[in-house]
Amino acid sequence: PSSVALAKARELVDNGKAPQAIELLTKANTSPLPDDPALPR
């Protein structure tokens, strides 16, 4: 799930929507899968 969230967040940043990207990543980090390989990134 972290990889999916990252892809969406990067797209938001590219479109000048950093606050929305922060909100999206913050939500994704609230209840992540512990074994998600993309979680550290």
Full PDB file with SEQRES, HELIX, SHEET, SSBOND, CRYST1, ORIGX, SCALE, CONECT and MASTER records, all heavy atoms in Angstrom:
SEQRES   1 A   41  PRO SER SER VAL ALA LEU ALA LYS ALA ARG GLU LEU VAL          
SEQRES   2 A   41  ASP ASN GLY LYS ALA PRO GLN ALA ILE GLU LEU LEU THR          
SEQRES   3 A   41  LYS ALA ASN THR SER PRO LEU PRO ASP ASP PRO ALA LEU          
SEQRES   4 A   41  PRO ARG                                                      
HELIX    1 AA1 SER A    2  ASP A   14  1                                  13    
HELIX    2 AA2 ALA A   18  ALA A   28  1                                  11    
CRYST1    1.000    1.000    1.000  90.00  90.00  90.00 P 1           1          
ORIGX1      1.000000  0.000000  0.000000        0.00000                         
ORIGX2      0.000000  1.000000  0.000000        0.00000                         
ORIGX3      0.000000  0.000000  1.000000        0.00000                         
SCALE1      1.000000  0.000000  0.000000        0.00000                         
SCALE2      0.000000  1.000000  0.000000        0.00000                         
SCALE3      0.000000  0.000000  1.000000        0.00000                         
ATOM      1  N   PRO A   1       0.813  -1.223   0.000  1.00  0.00           N  
ATOM      2  CA  PRO A   1       0.000   0.000   0.000  1.00  0.00           C  
ATOM      3  C   PRO A   1       0.845   1.272   0.000  1.00  0.00           C  
ATOM      4  O   PRO A   1       0.438   2.295  -0.555  1.00  0.00           O  
ATOM      5  CB  PRO A   1      -0.809  -0.121   1.304  1.00  0.00           C  
ATOM      6  CG  PRO A   1      -0.830  -1.581   1.598  1.00  0.00           C  
ATOM      7  CD  PRO A   1       0.493  -2.102   1.127  1.00  0.00           C  
ATOM      8  N   SER A   2       2.023   1.198   0.604  1.00  0.00           N  
ATOM      9  CA  SER A   2       2.892   2.379   0.656  1.00  0.00           C  
ATOM     10  C   SER A   2       3.343   2.791  -0.743  1.00  0.00           C  
ATOM     11  O   SER A   2       3.458   3.988  -1.039  1.00  0.00           O  
ATOM     12  CB  SER A   2       4.114   2.103   1.536  1.00  0.00           C  
ATOM     13  OG  SER A   2       3.739   1.919   2.884  1.00  0.00           O  
ATOM     14  N   SER A   3       3.594   1.806  -1.610  1.00  0.00           N  
ATOM     15  CA  SER A   3       3.998   2.124  -2.985  1.00  0.00           C  
ATOM     16  C   SER A   3       2.881   2.850  -3.720  1.00  0.00           C  
ATOM     17  O   SER A   3       3.129   3.805  -4.471  1.00  0.00           O  
ATOM     18  CB  SER A   3       4.363   0.842  -3.741  1.00  0.00           C  
ATOM     19  OG  SER A   3       5.502   0.239  -3.191  1.00  0.00           O  
ATOM     20  N   VAL A   4       1.645   2.405  -3.507  1.00  0.00           N  
ATOM     21  CA  VAL A   4       0.498   3.049  -4.138  1.00  0.00           C  
ATOM     22  C   VAL A   4       0.360   4.487  -3.641  1.00  0.00           C  
ATOM     23  O   VAL A   4       0.164   5.422  -4.418  1.00  0.00           O  
ATOM     24  CB  VAL A   4      -0.793   2.256  -3.847  1.00  0.00           C  
ATOM     25  CG1 VAL A   4      -2.003   2.967  -4.442  1.00  0.00           C  
ATOM     26  CG2 VAL A   4      -0.685   0.845  -4.420  1.00  0.00           C  
ATOM     27  N   ALA A   5       0.492   4.669  -2.323  1.00  0.00           N  
ATOM     28  CA  ALA A   5       0.372   6.008  -1.738  1.00  0.00           C  
ATOM     29  C   ALA A   5       1.489   6.927  -2.233  1.00  0.00           C  
ATOM     30  O   ALA A   5       1.250   8.109  -2.523  1.00  0.00           O  
ATOM     31  CB  ALA A   5       0.400   5.915  -0.215  1.00  0.00           C  
ATOM     32  N   LEU A   6       2.690   6.386  -2.351  1.00  0.00           N  
ATOM     33  CA  LEU A   6       3.816   7.189  -2.823  1.00  0.00           C  
ATOM     34  C   LEU A   6       3.601   7.674  -4.248  1.00  0.00           C  
ATOM     35  O   LEU A   6       3.890   8.831  -4.576  1.00  0.00           O  
ATOM     36  CB  LEU A   6       5.110   6.377  -2.743  1.00  0.00           C  
ATOM     37  CG  LEU A   6       5.810   6.337  -1.386  1.00  0.00           C  
ATOM     38  CD1 LEU A   6       6.913   5.298  -1.390  1.00  0.00           C  
ATOM     39  CD2 LEU A   6       6.363   7.707  -1.034  1.00  0.00           C  
ATOM     40  N   ALA A   7       3.113   6.797  -5.096  1.00  0.00           N  
ATOM     41  CA  ALA A   7       2.873   7.172  -6.489  1.00  0.00           C  
ATOM     42  C   ALA A   7       1.860   8.307  -6.567  1.00  0.00           C  
ATOM     43  O   ALA A   7       2.046   9.275  -7.327  1.00  0.00           O  
ATOM     44  CB  ALA A   7       2.390   5.966  -7.281  1.00  0.00           C  
ATOM     45  N   LYS A   8       0.802   8.220  -5.777  1.00  0.00           N  
ATOM     46  CA  LYS A   8      -0.218   9.269  -5.774  1.00  0.00           C  
ATOM     47  C   LYS A   8       0.331  10.564  -5.199  1.00  0.00           C  
ATOM     48  O   LYS A   8       0.053  11.656  -5.703  1.00  0.00           O  
ATOM     49  CB  LYS A   8      -1.433   8.803  -4.968  1.00  0.00           C  
ATOM     50  CG  LYS A   8      -2.203   7.647  -5.591  1.00  0.00           C  
ATOM     51  CD  LYS A   8      -3.379   7.232  -4.718  1.00  0.00           C  
ATOM     52  CE  LYS A   8      -4.150   6.085  -5.344  1.00  0.00           C  
ATOM     53  NZ  LYS A   8      -5.276   5.641  -4.486  1.00  0.00           N  
ATOM     54  N   ALA A   9       1.136  10.450  -4.128  1.00  0.00           N  
ATOM     55  CA  ALA A   9       1.699  11.640  -3.487  1.00  0.00           C  
ATOM     56  C   ALA A   9       2.668  12.363  -4.421  1.00  0.00           C  
ATOM     57  O   ALA A   9       2.668  13.603  -4.495  1.00  0.00           O  
ATOM     58  CB  ALA A   9       2.403  11.250  -2.196  1.00  0.00           C  
ATOM     59  N   ARG A  10       3.480  11.616  -5.136  1.00  0.00           N  
ATOM     60  CA  ARG A  10       4.432  12.237  -6.064  1.00  0.00           C  
ATOM     61  C   ARG A  10       3.692  12.965  -7.182  1.00  0.00           C  
ATOM     62  O   ARG A  10       4.122  14.043  -7.619  1.00  0.00           O  
ATOM     63  CB  ARG A  10       5.358  11.172  -6.649  1.00  0.00           C  
ATOM     64  CG  ARG A  10       6.339  10.602  -5.629  1.00  0.00           C  
ATOM     65  CD  ARG A  10       7.062   9.378  -6.162  1.00  0.00           C  
ATOM     66  NE  ARG A  10       7.968   8.807  -5.175  1.00  0.00           N  
ATOM     67  CZ  ARG A  10       8.608   7.654  -5.317  1.00  0.00           C  
ATOM     68  NH1 ARG A  10       8.434   6.956  -6.436  1.00  0.00           N  
ATOM     69  NH2 ARG A  10       9.416   7.205  -4.378  1.00  0.00           N  
ATOM     70  N   GLU A  11       2.590  12.386  -7.620  1.00  0.00           N  
ATOM     71  CA  GLU A  11       1.792  13.051  -8.649  1.00  0.00           C  
ATOM     72  C   GLU A  11       1.202  14.357  -8.114  1.00  0.00           C  
ATOM     73  O   GLU A  11       1.175  15.370  -8.820  1.00  0.00           O  
ATOM     74  CB  GLU A  11       0.673  12.113  -9.112  1.00  0.00           C  
ATOM     75  CG  GLU A  11      -0.156  12.675 -10.269  1.00  0.00           C  
ATOM     76  CD  GLU A  11      -1.204  11.687 -10.765  1.00  0.00           C  
ATOM     77  OE1 GLU A  11      -1.152  10.509 -10.369  1.00  0.00           O  
ATOM     78  OE2 GLU A  11      -2.071  12.109 -11.552  1.00  0.00           O  
ATOM     79  N   LEU A  12       0.757  14.335  -6.875  1.00  0.00           N  
ATOM     80  CA  LEU A  12       0.216  15.549  -6.257  1.00  0.00           C  
ATOM     81  C   LEU A  12       1.293  16.626  -6.150  1.00  0.00           C  
ATOM     82  O   LEU A  12       1.043  17.805  -6.440  1.00  0.00           O  
ATOM     83  CB  LEU A  12      -0.341  15.230  -4.867  1.00  0.00           C  
ATOM     84  CG  LEU A  12      -1.658  14.455  -4.827  1.00  0.00           C  
ATOM     85  CD1 LEU A  12      -1.963  13.985  -3.411  1.00  0.00           C  
ATOM     86  CD2 LEU A  12      -2.808  15.319  -5.354  1.00  0.00           C  
ATOM     87  N   VAL A  13       2.498  16.225  -5.728  1.00  0.00           N  
ATOM     88  CA  VAL A  13       3.598  17.184  -5.605  1.00  0.00           C  
ATOM     89  C   VAL A  13       3.939  17.780  -6.965  1.00  0.00           C  
ATOM     90  O   VAL A  13       4.162  18.991  -7.100  1.00  0.00           O  
ATOM     91  CB  VAL A  13       4.837  16.510  -4.981  1.00  0.00           C  
ATOM     92  CG1 VAL A  13       6.052  17.444  -5.059  1.00  0.00           C  
ATOM     93  CG2 VAL A  13       4.564  16.134  -3.532  1.00  0.00           C  
ATOM     94  N   ASP A  14       3.968  16.933  -7.993  1.00  0.00           N  
ATOM     95  CA  ASP A  14       4.274  17.406  -9.346  1.00  0.00           C  
ATOM     96  C   ASP A  14       3.246  18.438  -9.827  1.00  0.00           C  
ATOM     97  O   ASP A  14       3.559  19.296 -10.653  1.00  0.00           O  
ATOM     98  CB  ASP A  14       4.306  16.239 -10.330  1.00  0.00           C  
ATOM     99  CG  ASP A  14       5.526  15.348 -10.129  1.00  0.00           C  
ATOM    100  OD1 ASP A  14       6.492  15.809  -9.488  1.00  0.00           O  
ATOM    101  OD2 ASP A  14       5.512  14.194 -10.598  1.00  0.00           O  
ATOM    102  N   ASN A  15       2.028  18.324  -9.303  1.00  0.00           N  
ATOM    103  CA  ASN A  15       0.958  19.250  -9.693  1.00  0.00           C  
ATOM    104  C   ASN A  15       0.792  20.401  -8.703  1.00  0.00           C  
ATOM    105  O   ASN A  15      -0.232  21.077  -8.698  1.00  0.00           O  
ATOM    106  CB  ASN A  15      -0.372  18.491  -9.824  1.00  0.00           C  
ATOM    107  CG  ASN A  15      -0.385  17.553 -11.018  1.00  0.00           C  
ATOM    108  OD1 ASN A  15       0.054  17.918 -12.112  1.00  0.00           O  
ATOM    109  ND2 ASN A  15      -0.865  16.337 -10.828  1.00  0.00           N  
ATOM    110  N   GLY A  16       1.820  20.619  -7.871  1.00  0.00           N  
ATOM    111  CA  GLY A  16       1.794  21.734  -6.938  1.00  0.00           C  
ATOM    112  C   GLY A  16       0.861  21.567  -5.760  1.00  0.00           C  
ATOM    113  O   GLY A  16       0.403  22.552  -5.177  1.00  0.00           O  
ATOM    114  N   LYS A  17       0.566  20.322  -5.403  1.00  0.00           N  
ATOM    115  CA  LYS A  17      -0.370  20.057  -4.305  1.00  0.00           C  
ATOM    116  C   LYS A  17       0.330  19.331  -3.158  1.00  0.00           C  
ATOM    117  O   LYS A  17      -0.092  18.263  -2.707  1.00  0.00           O  
ATOM    118  CB  LYS A  17      -1.555  19.232  -4.808  1.00  0.00           C  
ATOM    119  CG  LYS A  17      -2.364  19.928  -5.897  1.00  0.00           C  
ATOM    120  CD  LYS A  17      -3.515  19.056  -6.384  1.00  0.00           C  
ATOM    121  CE  LYS A  17      -4.336  19.765  -7.454  1.00  0.00           C  
ATOM    122  NZ  LYS A  17      -5.456  18.913  -7.956  1.00  0.00           N  
ATOM    123  N   ALA A  18       1.405  19.949  -2.666  1.00  0.00           N  
ATOM    124  CA  ALA A  18       2.176  19.333  -1.586  1.00  0.00           C  
ATOM    125  C   ALA A  18       1.348  19.116  -0.315  1.00  0.00           C  
ATOM    126  O   ALA A  18       1.490  18.068   0.328  1.00  0.00           O  
ATOM    127  CB  ALA A  18       3.407  20.177  -1.283  1.00  0.00           C  
ATOM    128  N   PRO A  19       0.494  20.073   0.102  1.00  0.00           N  
ATOM    129  CA  PRO A  19      -0.305  19.834   1.321  1.00  0.00           C  
ATOM    130  C   PRO A  19      -1.175  18.583   1.224  1.00  0.00           C  
ATOM    131  O   PRO A  19      -1.302  17.821   2.188  1.00  0.00           O  
ATOM    132  CB  PRO A  19      -1.170  21.101   1.426  1.00  0.00           C  
ATOM    133  CG  PRO A  19      -0.364  22.153   0.736  1.00  0.00           C  
ATOM    134  CD  PRO A  19       0.290  21.443  -0.412  1.00  0.00           C  
ATOM    135  N   GLN A  20      -1.760  18.361   0.033  1.00  0.00           N  
ATOM    136  CA  GLN A  20      -2.576  17.159  -0.156  1.00  0.00           C  
ATOM    137  C   GLN A  20      -1.702  15.900  -0.118  1.00  0.00           C  
ATOM    138  O   GLN A  20      -2.132  14.859   0.380  1.00  0.00           O  
ATOM    139  CB  GLN A  20      -3.331  17.231  -1.478  1.00  0.00           C  
ATOM    140  CG  GLN A  20      -4.444  18.266  -1.516  1.00  0.00           C  
ATOM    141  CD  GLN A  20      -3.963  19.629  -1.996  1.00  0.00           C  
ATOM    142  OE1 GLN A  20      -2.815  20.000  -1.785  1.00  0.00           O  
ATOM    143  NE2 GLN A  20      -4.843  20.354  -2.666  1.00  0.00           N  
ATOM    144  N   ALA A  21      -0.470  16.020  -0.637  1.00  0.00           N  
ATOM    145  CA  ALA A  21       0.453  14.878  -0.605  1.00  0.00           C  
ATOM    146  C   ALA A  21       0.824  14.540   0.836  1.00  0.00           C  
ATOM    147  O   ALA A  21       0.885  13.360   1.210  1.00  0.00           O  
ATOM    148  CB  ALA A  21       1.705  15.200  -1.412  1.00  0.00           C  
ATOM    149  N   ILE A  22       1.054  15.567   1.636  1.00  0.00           N  
ATOM    150  CA  ILE A  22       1.373  15.348   3.052  1.00  0.00           C  
ATOM    151  C   ILE A  22       0.209  14.669   3.761  1.00  0.00           C  
ATOM    152  O   ILE A  22       0.394  13.721   4.534  1.00  0.00           O  
ATOM    153  CB  ILE A  22       1.706  16.692   3.743  1.00  0.00           C  
ATOM    154  CG1 ILE A  22       3.041  17.229   3.218  1.00  0.00           C  
ATOM    155  CG2 ILE A  22       1.752  16.526   5.257  1.00  0.00           C  
ATOM    156  CD1 ILE A  22       3.395  18.605   3.729  1.00  0.00           C  
ATOM    157  N   GLU A  23      -0.993  15.127   3.466  1.00  0.00           N  
ATOM    158  CA  GLU A  23      -2.181  14.527   4.076  1.00  0.00           C  
ATOM    159  C   GLU A  23      -2.332  13.060   3.676  1.00  0.00           C  
ATOM    160  O   GLU A  23      -2.641  12.196   4.512  1.00  0.00           O  
ATOM    161  CB  GLU A  23      -3.424  15.319   3.655  1.00  0.00           C  
ATOM    162  CG  GLU A  23      -4.720  14.818   4.284  1.00  0.00           C  
ATOM    163  CD  GLU A  23      -5.924  15.639   3.846  1.00  0.00           C  
ATOM    164  OE1 GLU A  23      -5.744  16.662   3.161  1.00  0.00           O  
ATOM    165  OE2 GLU A  23      -7.055  15.249   4.221  1.00  0.00           O  
ATOM    166  N   LEU A  24      -2.102  12.784   2.396  1.00  0.00           N  
ATOM    167  CA  LEU A  24      -2.242  11.414   1.899  1.00  0.00           C  
ATOM    168  C   LEU A  24      -1.215  10.490   2.547  1.00  0.00           C  
ATOM    169  O   LEU A  24      -1.554   9.388   3.009  1.00  0.00           O  
ATOM    170  CB  LEU A  24      -2.078  11.419   0.386  1.00  0.00           C  
ATOM    171  CG  LEU A  24      -2.343  10.114  -0.379  1.00  0.00           C  
ATOM    172  CD1 LEU A  24      -2.763  10.423  -1.806  1.00  0.00           C  
ATOM    173  CD2 LEU A  24      -1.118   9.205  -0.397  1.00  0.00           C  
ATOM    174  N   LEU A  25       0.044  10.922   2.598  1.00  0.00           N  
ATOM    175  CA  LEU A  25       1.097  10.086   3.172  1.00  0.00           C  
ATOM    176  C   LEU A  25       0.925   9.922   4.678  1.00  0.00           C  
ATOM    177  O   LEU A  25       1.228   8.856   5.231  1.00  0.00           O  
ATOM    178  CB  LEU A  25       2.468  10.682   2.859  1.00  0.00           C  
ATOM    179  CG  LEU A  25       2.877  10.682   1.388  1.00  0.00           C  
ATOM    180  CD1 LEU A  25       4.248  11.323   1.211  1.00  0.00           C  
ATOM    181  CD2 LEU A  25       2.892   9.258   0.825  1.00  0.00           C  
ATOM    182  N   THR A  26       0.446  10.964   5.330  1.00  0.00           N  
ATOM    183  CA  THR A  26       0.199  10.877   6.771  1.00  0.00           C  
ATOM    184  C   THR A  26      -0.867   9.827   7.068  1.00  0.00           C  
ATOM    185  O   THR A  26      -0.732   9.020   7.992  1.00  0.00           O  
ATOM    186  CB  THR A  26      -0.252  12.238   7.327  1.00  0.00           C  
ATOM    187  OG1 THR A  26       0.794  13.202   7.124  1.00  0.00           O  
ATOM    188  CG2 THR A  26      -0.547  12.146   8.827  1.00  0.00           C  
ATOM    189  N   LYS A  27      -1.914   9.822   6.263  1.00  0.00           N  
ATOM    190  CA  LYS A  27      -2.982   8.829   6.423  1.00  0.00           C  
ATOM    191  C   LYS A  27      -2.456   7.428   6.155  1.00  0.00           C  
ATOM    192  O   LYS A  27      -2.784   6.476   6.884  1.00  0.00           O  
ATOM    193  CB  LYS A  27      -4.137   9.145   5.482  1.00  0.00           C  
ATOM    194  CG  LYS A  27      -5.322   8.202   5.632  1.00  0.00           C  
ATOM    195  CD  LYS A  27      -6.472   8.597   4.707  1.00  0.00           C  
ATOM    196  CE  LYS A  27      -7.654   7.642   4.860  1.00  0.00           C  
ATOM    197  NZ  LYS A  27      -8.780   8.011   3.955  1.00  0.00           N  
ATOM    198  N   ALA A  28      -1.621   7.287   5.114  1.00  0.00           N  
ATOM    199  CA  ALA A  28      -1.066   5.976   4.778  1.00  0.00           C  
ATOM    200  C   ALA A  28      -0.154   5.451   5.879  1.00  0.00           C  
ATOM    201  O   ALA A  28      -0.025   4.240   6.067  1.00  0.00           O  
ATOM    202  CB  ALA A  28      -0.297   6.055   3.465  1.00  0.00           C  
ATOM    203  N   ASN A  29       0.473   6.355   6.613  1.00  0.00           N  
ATOM    204  CA  ASN A  29       1.394   5.965   7.675  1.00  0.00           C  
ATOM    205  C   ASN A  29       0.680   5.696   8.995  1.00  0.00           C  
ATOM    206  O   ASN A  29       1.290   5.227   9.948  1.00  0.00           O  
ATOM    207  CB  ASN A  29       2.451   7.063   7.882  1.00  0.00           C  
ATOM    208  CG  ASN A  29       3.539   6.649   8.838  1.00  0.00           C  
ATOM    209  OD1 ASN A  29       4.164   5.602   8.678  1.00  0.00           O  
ATOM    210  ND2 ASN A  29       3.779   7.459   9.869  1.00  0.00           N  
ATOM    211  N   THR A  30      -0.613   5.977   9.046  1.00  0.00           N  
ATOM    212  CA  THR A  30      -1.356   5.809  10.290  1.00  0.00           C  
ATOM    213  C   THR A  30      -1.531   4.344  10.672  1.00  0.00           C  
ATOM    214  O   THR A  30      -1.378   3.965  11.835  1.00  0.00           O  
ATOM    215  CB  THR A  30      -2.749   6.474  10.181  1.00  0.00           C  
ATOM    216  OG1 THR A  30      -2.568   7.863   9.895  1.00  0.00           O  
ATOM    217  CG2 THR A  30      -3.524   6.334  11.477  1.00  0.00           C  
ATOM    218  N   SER A  31      -1.862   3.520   9.687  1.00  0.00           N  
ATOM    219  CA  SER A  31      -2.051   2.084   9.960  1.00  0.00           C  
ATOM    220  C   SER A  31      -1.448   1.265   8.828  1.00  0.00           C  
ATOM    221  O   SER A  31      -2.159   0.622   8.055  1.00  0.00           O  
ATOM    222  CB  SER A  31      -3.534   1.759  10.118  1.00  0.00           C  
ATOM    223  OG  SER A  31      -4.268   2.176   8.975  1.00  0.00           O  
ATOM    224  N   PRO A  32      -0.113   1.309   8.688  1.00  0.00           N  
ATOM    225  CA  PRO A  32       0.535   0.621   7.568  1.00  0.00           C  
ATOM    226  C   PRO A  32       0.693  -0.877   7.818  1.00  0.00           C  
ATOM    227  O   PRO A  32       0.509  -1.366   8.934  1.00  0.00           O  
ATOM    228  CB  PRO A  32       1.907   1.296   7.518  1.00  0.00           C  
ATOM    229  CG  PRO A  32       2.194   1.586   8.967  1.00  0.00           C  
ATOM    230  CD  PRO A  32       0.863   1.968   9.560  1.00  0.00           C  
ATOM    231  N   LEU A  33       1.035  -1.593   6.758  1.00  0.00           N  
ATOM    232  CA  LEU A  33       1.412  -2.991   6.911  1.00  0.00           C  
ATOM    233  C   LEU A  33       2.876  -3.022   7.371  1.00  0.00           C  
ATOM    234  O   LEU A  33       3.743  -2.465   6.688  1.00  0.00           O  
ATOM    235  CB  LEU A  33       1.282  -3.741   5.594  1.00  0.00           C  
ATOM    236  CG  LEU A  33      -0.143  -3.961   5.065  1.00  0.00           C  
ATOM    237  CD1 LEU A  33      -0.090  -4.643   3.707  1.00  0.00           C  
ATOM    238  CD2 LEU A  33      -0.969  -4.781   6.041  1.00  0.00           C  
ATOM    239  N   PRO A  34       3.174  -3.637   8.503  1.00  0.00           N  
ATOM    240  CA  PRO A  34       4.545  -3.633   9.035  1.00  0.00           C  
ATOM    241  C   PRO A  34       5.580  -4.196   8.063  1.00  0.00           C  
ATOM    242  O   PRO A  34       6.734  -3.789   8.085  1.00  0.00           O  
ATOM    243  CB  PRO A  34       4.438  -4.498  10.299  1.00  0.00           C  
ATOM    244  CG  PRO A  34       3.001  -4.434  10.683  1.00  0.00           C  
ATOM    245  CD  PRO A  34       2.245  -4.366   9.382  1.00  0.00           C  
ATOM    246  N   ASP A  35       5.151  -5.151   7.225  1.00  0.00           N  
ATOM    247  CA  ASP A  35       6.101  -5.791   6.310  1.00  0.00           C  
ATOM    248  C   ASP A  35       6.104  -5.164   4.924  1.00  0.00           C  
ATOM    249  O   ASP A  35       6.672  -5.723   3.979  1.00  0.00           O  
ATOM    250  CB  ASP A  35       5.796  -7.290   6.192  1.00  0.00           C  
ATOM    251  CG  ASP A  35       4.381  -7.567   5.684  1.00  0.00           C  
ATOM    252  OD1 ASP A  35       3.558  -6.627   5.682  1.00  0.00           O  
ATOM    253  OD2 ASP A  35       4.097  -8.728   5.298  1.00  0.00           O  
ATOM    254  N   ASP A  36       5.490  -4.000   4.786  1.00  0.00           N  
ATOM    255  CA  ASP A  36       5.452  -3.313   3.493  1.00  0.00           C  
ATOM    256  C   ASP A  36       6.857  -2.825   3.150  1.00  0.00           C  
ATOM    257  O   ASP A  36       7.422  -1.994   3.871  1.00  0.00           O  
ATOM    258  CB  ASP A  36       4.482  -2.128   3.564  1.00  0.00           C  
ATOM    259  CG  ASP A  36       4.198  -1.515   2.197  1.00  0.00           C  
ATOM    260  OD1 ASP A  36       5.083  -1.572   1.322  1.00  0.00           O  
ATOM    261  OD2 ASP A  36       3.088  -0.989   2.013  1.00  0.00           O  
ATOM    262  N   PRO A  37       7.454  -3.312   2.053  1.00  0.00           N  
ATOM    263  CA  PRO A  37       8.831  -2.928   1.727  1.00  0.00           C  
ATOM    264  C   PRO A  37       9.014  -1.450   1.410  1.00  0.00           C  
ATOM    265  O   PRO A  37      10.124  -0.924   1.507  1.00  0.00           O  
ATOM    266  CB  PRO A  37       9.158  -3.802   0.508  1.00  0.00           C  
ATOM    267  CG  PRO A  37       7.828  -4.136  -0.092  1.00  0.00           C  
ATOM    268  CD  PRO A  37       6.897  -4.252   1.065  1.00  0.00           C  
ATOM    269  N   ALA A  38       7.927  -0.770   1.019  1.00  0.00           N  
ATOM    270  CA  ALA A  38       8.038   0.649   0.663  1.00  0.00           C  
ATOM    271  C   ALA A  38       7.748   1.577   1.843  1.00  0.00           C  
ATOM    272  O   ALA A  38       7.800   2.798   1.694  1.00  0.00           O  
ATOM    273  CB  ALA A  38       7.083   0.981  -0.481  1.00  0.00           C  
ATOM    274  N   LEU A  39       7.462   1.022   3.024  1.00  0.00           N  
ATOM    275  CA  LEU A  39       7.123   1.861   4.175  1.00  0.00           C  
ATOM    276  C   LEU A  39       8.256   2.799   4.602  1.00  0.00           C  
ATOM    277  O   LEU A  39       7.999   3.980   4.864  1.00  0.00           O  
ATOM    278  CB  LEU A  39       6.692   0.976   5.348  1.00  0.00           C  
ATOM    279  CG  LEU A  39       6.270   1.697   6.621  1.00  0.00           C  
ATOM    280  CD1 LEU A  39       5.132   2.678   6.354  1.00  0.00           C  
ATOM    281  CD2 LEU A  39       5.851   0.683   7.692  1.00  0.00           C  
ATOM    282  N   PRO A  40       9.518   2.343   4.668  1.00  0.00           N  
ATOM    283  CA  PRO A  40      10.600   3.272   5.022  1.00  0.00           C  
ATOM    284  C   PRO A  40      10.702   4.447   4.047  1.00  0.00           C  
ATOM    285  O   PRO A  40      10.928   5.587   4.467  1.00  0.00           O  
ATOM    286  CB  PRO A  40      11.854   2.393   4.971  1.00  0.00           C  
ATOM    287  CG  PRO A  40      11.350   1.021   5.266  1.00  0.00           C  
ATOM    288  CD  PRO A  40      10.011   0.961   4.561  1.00  0.00           C  
ATOM    289  N   ARG A  41      10.513   4.189   2.743  1.00  0.00           N  
ATOM    290  CA  ARG A  41      10.584   5.275   1.767  1.00  0.00           C  
ATOM    291  C   ARG A  41       9.419   6.241   1.963  1.00  0.00           C  
ATOM    292  O   ARG A  41       9.586   7.457   1.849  1.00  0.00           O  
ATOM    293  CB  ARG A  41      10.583   4.694   0.344  1.00  0.00           C  
ATOM    294  CG  ARG A  41      10.506   5.733  -0.781  1.00  0.00           C  
ATOM    295  CD  ARG A  41      11.661   6.731  -0.757  1.00  0.00           C  
ATOM    296  NE  ARG A  41      12.935   6.141  -0.967  1.00  0.00           N  
ATOM    297  CZ  ARG A  41      13.469   5.873  -2.155  1.00  0.00           C  
ATOM    298  NH1 ARG A  41      12.804   6.146  -3.259  1.00  0.00           N  
ATOM    299  NH2 ARG A  41      14.669   5.345  -2.251  1.00  0.00           N  
TER     300      ARG A  41                                                      
MASTER        0    0    0    2    0    0    0    6  299    1    0    4          
END                                                                             
